[in-house]
Amino acid sequence: MAEKSGVNVIRSIFELLVLLAALGVIFGGLALIIFFSPWFYTTLNKLLALDIRFAIELLGFLVIAAIIVLLSALTVYSKNIVHSALYLLGSFAGVAALYIMLNAPFVGVAQILVYIGAVGVLILFAVMLTKKTIVEESHGEI
C-alpha cells in the first residue's frame, strides 16, 4: 500500500511540473508578444517620464482586472451555487468599474442595472427556488 501512495505522490509531482512547464510556455509566449508590441514601448516611455496619472490609472486597471479574474475563477470552481452566483455578480461589478474607468459611465451604469440588478437577482431567485438534487435527496447513494 505504501508503494502505491509513493507512486501516486511521484505522479502528482510530475503532473504538477508538466502543468507548470505548460503555463511557463504559455505566459512566456504572451510576455514575448507584449514585449515586442508597440504598446509596450509607449507604456514604458510614459512610466519612465514619471507620468503619475498614467501610472495610477494603470495600477487601478490592473487591480480591477485581477479582481475580475479572481472572481471569475471562483465562480467556476465554487461548490456552493449561491456563492458562485454572488461571485458572478462581483465580476459583473468589476466590469462595470472598468467601464466607468474608461469614461463610459452610461455603459457602466447600464451594466450595474441590467446585469447586477436584473440578471443577478433572477439567477439568485432561480437558484433559491429550485428543489434539492437527486444526489442530495438520496444522501449520496445512487
Protein backbone atom coordinates (compact mmCIF):
# COMPACT_ATOMS: atom_id res chain seq x y z
CA MET A 1 0.00 0.00 0.00
CA ALA A 2 2.88 2.35 0.81
CA GLU A 3 4.38 1.78 -2.64
CA LYS A 4 1.18 2.84 -4.36
CA SER A 5 0.94 6.04 -2.33
CA GLY A 6 4.59 6.79 -3.17
CA VAL A 7 3.87 6.24 -6.85
CA ASN A 8 0.82 8.49 -6.58
CA VAL A 9 2.91 11.22 -4.95
CA ILE A 10 5.54 10.98 -7.68
CA ARG A 11 2.84 11.02 -10.36
CA SER A 12 1.19 14.07 -8.76
CA ILE A 13 4.53 15.89 -8.63
CA PHE A 14 5.22 15.00 -12.27
CA GLU A 15 1.77 16.25 -13.34
CA LEU A 16 2.33 19.46 -11.39
CA LEU A 17 5.71 20.00 -13.07
CA VAL A 18 4.18 19.39 -16.51
CA LEU A 19 1.40 21.86 -15.72
CA LEU A 20 3.91 24.46 -14.52
CA ALA A 21 6.01 23.95 -17.67
CA ALA A 22 2.94 24.40 -19.87
CA LEU A 23 1.95 27.56 -18.01
CA GLY A 24 5.52 28.83 -18.35
CA VAL A 25 5.43 28.31 -22.11
CA ILE A 26 2.03 29.99 -22.42
CA PHE A 27 2.83 33.00 -20.25
CA GLY A 28 6.38 33.26 -21.61
CA GLY A 29 4.96 33.45 -25.13
CA LEU A 30 2.48 36.09 -24.06
CA ALA A 31 5.28 38.07 -22.39
CA LEU A 32 7.32 37.97 -25.61
CA ILE A 33 4.35 39.14 -27.65
CA ILE A 34 3.76 42.01 -25.25
CA PHE A 35 7.48 42.86 -25.11
CA PHE A 36 7.73 43.22 -28.89
CA SER A 37 4.46 45.16 -29.28
CA PRO A 38 4.49 48.93 -29.89
CA TRP A 39 2.12 49.39 -26.94
CA PHE A 40 4.85 48.20 -24.58
CA TYR A 41 7.25 50.95 -25.61
CA THR A 42 4.63 53.71 -25.30
CA THR A 43 3.69 52.46 -21.85
CA LEU A 44 7.32 52.17 -20.82
CA ASN A 45 8.06 55.71 -22.06
CA LYS A 46 5.09 57.12 -20.13
CA LEU A 47 6.14 55.30 -16.97
CA LEU A 48 9.77 56.42 -17.34
CA ALA A 49 8.63 60.02 -17.92
CA LEU A 50 7.05 59.81 -14.44
CA ASP A 51 3.54 60.45 -15.72
CA ILE A 52 1.93 59.79 -12.33
CA ARG A 53 -1.67 59.92 -13.58
CA PHE A 54 -0.94 57.23 -16.13
CA ALA A 55 0.76 55.07 -13.50
CA ILE A 56 -2.22 55.39 -11.14
CA GLU A 57 -4.69 54.56 -13.92
CA LEU A 58 -2.61 51.56 -14.97
CA LEU A 59 -2.35 50.34 -11.39
CA GLY A 60 -6.12 50.77 -10.90
CA PHE A 61 -6.83 48.88 -14.11
CA LEU A 62 -4.51 46.02 -13.11
CA VAL A 63 -6.10 45.75 -9.65
CA ILE A 64 -9.65 45.71 -11.06
CA ALA A 65 -8.66 43.22 -13.78
CA ALA A 66 -7.06 40.92 -11.18
CA ILE A 67 -10.23 41.10 -9.05
CA ILE A 68 -12.37 40.23 -12.09
CA VAL A 69 -10.17 37.24 -12.98
CA LEU A 70 -10.16 36.02 -9.36
CA LEU A 71 -13.94 36.32 -9.01
CA SER A 72 -14.47 34.61 -12.37
CA ALA A 73 -12.28 31.70 -11.31
CA LEU A 74 -14.15 31.49 -8.00
CA THR A 75 -17.43 31.47 -9.96
CA VAL A 76 -16.33 28.41 -11.90
CA TYR A 77 -14.70 26.49 -9.03
CA SER A 78 -17.16 27.23 -6.22
CA LYS A 79 -19.06 24.16 -5.00
CA ASN A 80 -21.90 26.22 -3.50
CA ILE A 81 -24.13 27.56 -6.27
CA VAL A 82 -25.28 30.58 -4.27
CA HIS A 83 -21.67 31.60 -3.65
CA SER A 84 -20.99 31.06 -7.34
CA ALA A 85 -23.84 33.41 -8.26
CA LEU A 86 -22.53 36.03 -5.83
CA TYR A 87 -19.02 35.75 -7.29
CA LEU A 88 -20.54 36.23 -10.75
CA LEU A 89 -22.25 39.41 -9.54
CA GLY A 90 -18.92 40.62 -8.18
CA SER A 91 -17.24 40.07 -11.54
CA PHE A 92 -20.10 41.99 -13.20
CA ALA A 93 -19.44 44.85 -10.76
CA GLY A 94 -15.75 44.78 -11.70
CA VAL A 95 -16.61 45.03 -15.39
CA ALA A 96 -18.87 47.99 -14.58
CA ALA A 97 -15.96 49.60 -12.72
CA LEU A 98 -13.78 49.16 -15.81
CA TYR A 99 -16.43 50.82 -17.99
CA ILE A 100 -16.66 53.75 -15.60
CA MET A 101 -12.86 53.99 -15.51
CA LEU A 102 -12.82 54.14 -19.33
CA ASN A 103 -15.10 57.21 -19.29
CA ALA A 104 -18.18 55.28 -20.35
CA PRO A 105 -20.41 55.94 -17.32
CA PHE A 106 -23.66 55.19 -19.16
CA VAL A 107 -22.47 51.71 -20.13
CA GLY A 108 -21.16 51.16 -16.58
CA VAL A 109 -24.48 52.14 -15.01
CA ALA A 110 -26.35 50.02 -17.57
CA GLN A 111 -24.06 47.11 -16.62
CA ILE A 112 -24.98 47.61 -12.97
CA LEU A 113 -28.71 47.94 -13.60
CA VAL A 114 -29.11 45.19 -16.18
CA TYR A 115 -26.61 42.55 -15.15
CA ILE A 116 -26.30 43.03 -11.42
CA GLY A 117 -29.84 44.25 -10.84
CA ALA A 118 -31.86 42.09 -13.18
CA VAL A 119 -29.84 39.07 -14.22
CA GLY A 120 -28.20 38.66 -10.80
CA VAL A 121 -31.48 38.75 -8.93
CA LEU A 122 -33.00 36.37 -11.49
CA ILE A 123 -30.14 33.89 -11.01
CA LEU A 124 -30.34 34.09 -7.23
CA PHE A 125 -34.11 33.59 -7.20
CA ALA A 126 -33.87 30.69 -9.65
CA VAL A 127 -31.20 29.03 -7.52
CA MET A 128 -33.09 29.55 -4.29
CA LEU A 129 -36.41 28.31 -5.67
CA THR A 130 -35.12 25.07 -7.13
CA LYS A 131 -35.54 21.81 -5.26
CA LYS A 132 -32.71 19.65 -3.99
CA THR A 133 -30.97 17.44 -6.50
CA ILE A 134 -31.39 13.69 -6.64
CA VAL A 135 -27.97 13.13 -5.03
CA GLU A 136 -28.84 15.31 -2.04
CA GLU A 137 -32.21 13.59 -1.57
CA SER A 138 -30.65 10.11 -1.63
CA HIS A 139 -27.89 11.18 0.77
CA GLY A 140 -25.18 10.46 -1.80
CA GLU A 141 -26.43 6.96 -2.62
CA ILE A 142 -27.17 6.40 -6.29
